[in-house]
Amino acid sequence: MAVPIRRKAAAAFIRDFVERRKVEGFVRSALVQSGQSDVTVAPPA
């Protein structure tokens, strides 16, 4: 996901959204379901 740098509130929202999805396991699950099980998900920040 991308957002213009000048949109600080939007960037913070996207960052929080992605970090929560990583903690919940959603990102890993989506990768496995799409056949990309050999990919490593970065740990939450």
PDB file of N, CA and C in Angstrom:
ATOM      1  N   MET A   1       0.837  -1.169   0.000  1.00  0.00           N
ATOM      2  CA  MET A   1       0.000   0.000   0.000  1.00  0.00           C
ATOM      3  C   MET A   1       0.884   1.236   0.000  1.00  0.00           C
ATOM      4  N   ALA A   2       0.408   2.260  -0.670  1.00  0.00           N
ATOM      5  CA  ALA A   2       1.187   3.498  -0.740  1.00  0.00           C
ATOM      6  C   ALA A   2       0.276   4.690  -0.493  1.00  0.00           C
ATOM      7  N   VAL A   3       0.882   5.707   0.053  1.00  0.00           N
ATOM      8  CA  VAL A   3       0.164   6.950   0.310  1.00  0.00           C
ATOM      9  C   VAL A   3       1.183   8.084   0.178  1.00  0.00           C
ATOM     10  N   PRO A   4       0.778   9.224  -0.362  1.00  0.00           N
ATOM     11  CA  PRO A   4       1.729  10.331  -0.483  1.00  0.00           C
ATOM     12  C   PRO A   4       2.330  10.703   0.874  1.00  0.00           C
ATOM     13  N   ILE A   5       3.597  11.019   0.888  1.00  0.00           N
ATOM     14  CA  ILE A   5       4.329  11.335   2.124  1.00  0.00           C
ATOM     15  C   ILE A   5       3.697  12.489   2.894  1.00  0.00           C
ATOM     16  N   ARG A   6       3.120  13.429   2.197  1.00  0.00           N
ATOM     17  CA  ARG A   6       2.545  14.601   2.870  1.00  0.00           C
ATOM     18  C   ARG A   6       1.252  14.270   3.620  1.00  0.00           C
ATOM     19  N   ARG A   7       0.697  13.091   3.395  1.00  0.00           N
ATOM     20  CA  ARG A   7      -0.550  12.680   4.063  1.00  0.00           C
ATOM     21  C   ARG A   7      -0.216  11.873   5.309  1.00  0.00           C
ATOM     22  N   LYS A   8       0.279  12.544   6.317  1.00  0.00           N
ATOM     23  CA  LYS A   8       0.790  11.890   7.521  1.00  0.00           C
ATOM     24  C   LYS A   8      -0.267  11.055   8.243  1.00  0.00           C
ATOM     25  N   ALA A   9      -1.482  11.546   8.360  1.00  0.00           N
ATOM     26  CA  ALA A   9      -2.540  10.792   9.039  1.00  0.00           C
ATOM     27  C   ALA A   9      -2.878   9.521   8.261  1.00  0.00           C
ATOM     28  N   ALA A  10      -2.937   9.632   6.945  1.00  0.00           N
ATOM     29  CA  ALA A  10      -3.225   8.459   6.121  1.00  0.00           C
ATOM     30  C   ALA A  10      -2.094   7.443   6.219  1.00  0.00           C
ATOM     31  N   ALA A  11      -0.859   7.926   6.211  1.00  0.00           N
ATOM     32  CA  ALA A  11       0.292   7.025   6.323  1.00  0.00           C
ATOM     33  C   ALA A  11       0.275   6.297   7.660  1.00  0.00           C
ATOM     34  N   ALA A  12      -0.061   7.004   8.734  1.00  0.00           N
ATOM     35  CA  ALA A  12      -0.134   6.375  10.057  1.00  0.00           C
ATOM     36  C   ALA A  12      -1.231   5.318  10.086  1.00  0.00           C
ATOM     37  N   PHE A  13      -2.367   5.604   9.467  1.00  0.00           N
ATOM     38  CA  PHE A  13      -3.466   4.640   9.416  1.00  0.00           C
ATOM     39  C   PHE A  13      -3.051   3.375   8.668  1.00  0.00           C
ATOM     40  N   ILE A  14      -2.437   3.549   7.498  1.00  0.00           N
ATOM     41  CA  ILE A  14      -2.005   2.403   6.695  1.00  0.00           C
ATOM     42  C   ILE A  14      -0.960   1.583   7.443  1.00  0.00           C
ATOM     43  N   ARG A  15       0.001   2.253   8.066  1.00  0.00           N
ATOM     44  CA  ARG A  15       1.042   1.560   8.827  1.00  0.00           C
ATOM     45  C   ARG A  15       0.413   0.721   9.944  1.00  0.00           C
ATOM     46  N   ASP A  16      -0.519   1.310  10.696  1.00  0.00           N
ATOM     47  CA  ASP A  16      -1.196   0.595  11.779  1.00  0.00           C
ATOM     48  C   ASP A  16      -2.003  -0.579  11.235  1.00  0.00           C
ATOM     49  N   PHE A  17      -2.708  -0.352  10.129  1.00  0.00           N
ATOM     50  CA  PHE A  17      -3.517  -1.396   9.504  1.00  0.00           C
ATOM     51  C   PHE A  17      -2.657  -2.604   9.133  1.00  0.00           C
ATOM     52  N   VAL A  18      -1.545  -2.356   8.464  1.00  0.00           N
ATOM     53  CA  VAL A  18      -0.661  -3.442   8.022  1.00  0.00           C
ATOM     54  C   VAL A  18      -0.048  -4.162   9.222  1.00  0.00           C
ATOM     55  N   GLU A  19       0.385  -3.416  10.220  1.00  0.00           N
ATOM     56  CA  GLU A  19       0.987  -4.036  11.407  1.00  0.00           C
ATOM     57  C   GLU A  19      -0.023  -4.923  12.129  1.00  0.00           C
ATOM     58  N   ARG A  20      -1.267  -4.473  12.240  1.00  0.00           N
ATOM     59  CA  ARG A  20      -2.298  -5.305  12.884  1.00  0.00           C
ATOM     60  C   ARG A  20      -2.541  -6.577  12.087  1.00  0.00           C
ATOM     61  N   ARG A  21      -2.557  -6.476  10.776  1.00  0.00           N
ATOM     62  CA  ARG A  21      -2.782  -7.670   9.946  1.00  0.00           C
ATOM     63  C   ARG A  21      -1.629  -8.663  10.090  1.00  0.00           C
ATOM     64  N   LYS A  22      -0.406  -8.172  10.237  1.00  0.00           N
ATOM     65  CA  LYS A  22       0.738  -9.068  10.442  1.00  0.00           C
ATOM     66  C   LYS A  22       0.601  -9.783  11.779  1.00  0.00           C
ATOM     67  N   VAL A  23       0.238  -9.055  12.841  1.00  0.00           N
ATOM     68  CA  VAL A  23       0.075  -9.653  14.172  1.00  0.00           C
ATOM     69  C   VAL A  23      -1.026 -10.711  14.151  1.00  0.00           C
ATOM     70  N   GLU A  24      -2.117 -10.436  13.448  1.00  0.00           N
ATOM     71  CA  GLU A  24      -3.251 -11.358  13.374  1.00  0.00           C
ATOM     72  C   GLU A  24      -2.947 -12.597  12.539  1.00  0.00           C
ATOM     73  N   GLY A  25      -1.870 -12.577  11.767  1.00  0.00           N
ATOM     74  CA  GLY A  25      -1.533 -13.701  10.912  1.00  0.00           C
ATOM     75  C   GLY A  25      -2.172 -13.633   9.535  1.00  0.00           C
ATOM     76  N   PHE A  26      -2.884 -12.564   9.261  1.00  0.00           N
ATOM     77  CA  PHE A  26      -3.569 -12.441   7.979  1.00  0.00           C
ATOM     78  C   PHE A  26      -2.603 -12.419   6.801  1.00  0.00           C
ATOM     79  N   VAL A  27      -1.520 -11.665   6.945  1.00  0.00           N
ATOM     80  CA  VAL A  27      -0.560 -11.540   5.842  1.00  0.00           C
ATOM     81  C   VAL A  27       0.029 -12.909   5.520  1.00  0.00           C
ATOM     82  N   ARG A  28       0.463 -13.626   6.532  1.00  0.00           N
ATOM     83  CA  ARG A  28       1.047 -14.962   6.332  1.00  0.00           C
ATOM     84  C   ARG A  28       0.032 -15.901   5.683  1.00  0.00           C
ATOM     85  N   SER A  29      -1.187 -15.889   6.200  1.00  0.00           N
ATOM     86  CA  SER A  29      -2.241 -16.746   5.667  1.00  0.00           C
ATOM     87  C   SER A  29      -2.530 -16.431   4.199  1.00  0.00           C
ATOM     88  N   ALA A  30      -2.588 -15.154   3.857  1.00  0.00           N
ATOM     89  CA  ALA A  30      -2.854 -14.758   2.472  1.00  0.00           C
ATOM     90  C   ALA A  30      -1.741 -15.230   1.543  1.00  0.00           C
ATOM     91  N   LEU A  31      -0.503 -15.140   2.015  1.00  0.00           N
ATOM     92  CA  LEU A  31       0.619 -15.606   1.199  1.00  0.00           C
ATOM     93  C   LEU A  31       0.550 -17.115   0.979  1.00  0.00           C
ATOM     94  N   VAL A  32       0.253 -17.856   2.022  1.00  0.00           N
ATOM     95  CA  VAL A  32       0.153 -19.317   1.906  1.00  0.00           C
ATOM     96  C   VAL A  32      -0.981 -19.685   0.947  1.00  0.00           C
ATOM     97  N   GLN A  33      -2.130 -19.038   1.101  1.00  0.00           N
ATOM     98  CA  GLN A  33      -3.280 -19.333   0.240  1.00  0.00           C
ATOM     99  C   GLN A  33      -3.005 -19.011  -1.225  1.00  0.00           C
ATOM    100  N   SER A  34      -2.106 -18.073  -1.475  1.00  0.00           N
ATOM    101  CA  SER A  34      -1.797 -17.716  -2.860  1.00  0.00           C
ATOM    102  C   SER A  34      -0.618 -18.521  -3.410  1.00  0.00           C
ATOM    103  N   GLY A  35      -0.179 -19.541  -2.645  1.00  0.00           N
ATOM    104  CA  GLY A  35       0.894 -20.402  -3.114  1.00  0.00           C
ATOM    105  C   GLY A  35       2.285 -19.867  -2.857  1.00  0.00           C
ATOM    106  N   GLN A  36       2.411 -18.877  -1.997  1.00  0.00           N
ATOM    107  CA  GLN A  36       3.710 -18.268  -1.707  1.00  0.00           C
ATOM    108  C   GLN A  36       4.162 -18.618  -0.288  1.00  0.00           C
ATOM    109  N   SER A  37       4.109 -19.888   0.047  1.00  0.00           N
ATOM    110  CA  SER A  37       4.406 -20.320   1.416  1.00  0.00           C
ATOM    111  C   SER A  37       5.885 -20.224   1.776  1.00  0.00           C
ATOM    112  N   ASP A  38       6.758 -20.014   0.803  1.00  0.00           N
ATOM    113  CA  ASP A  38       8.193 -19.930   1.093  1.00  0.00           C
ATOM    114  C   ASP A  38       8.651 -18.494   1.370  1.00  0.00           C
ATOM    115  N   VAL A  39       7.709 -17.569   1.474  1.00  0.00           N
ATOM    116  CA  VAL A  39       8.014 -16.160   1.722  1.00  0.00           C
ATOM    117  C   VAL A  39       8.015 -15.899   3.222  1.00  0.00           C
ATOM    118  N   THR A  40       8.955 -15.080   3.681  1.00  0.00           N
ATOM    119  CA  THR A  40       9.019 -14.702   5.088  1.00  0.00           C
ATOM    120  C   THR A  40       8.344 -13.349   5.277  1.00  0.00           C
ATOM    121  N   VAL A  41       7.437 -13.288   6.237  1.00  0.00           N
ATOM    122  CA  VAL A  41       6.768 -12.030   6.569  1.00  0.00           C
ATOM    123  C   VAL A  41       7.622 -11.316   7.611  1.00  0.00           C
ATOM    124  N   ALA A  42       7.894 -10.053   7.382  1.00  0.00           N
ATOM    125  CA  ALA A  42       8.664  -9.269   8.351  1.00  0.00           C
ATOM    126  C   ALA A  42       7.909  -9.222   9.673  1.00  0.00           C
ATOM    127  N   PRO A  43       8.634  -9.269  10.792  1.00  0.00           N
ATOM    128  CA  PRO A  43       7.952  -9.192  12.086  1.00  0.00           C
ATOM    129  C   PRO A  43       7.299  -7.824  12.265  1.00  0.00           C
ATOM    130  N   PRO A  44       6.258  -7.771  13.101  1.00  0.00           N
ATOM    131  CA  PRO A  44       5.630  -6.474  13.363  1.00  0.00           C
ATOM    132  C   PRO A  44       6.644  -5.476  13.915  1.00  0.00           C
ATOM    133  N   ALA A  45       6.470  -4.231  13.564  1.00  0.00           N
ATOM    134  CA  ALA A  45       7.387  -3.173  14.019  1.00  0.00           C
ATOM    135  C   ALA A  45       7.202  -2.879  15.491  1.00  0.00           C
TER     136      ALA A  45
END
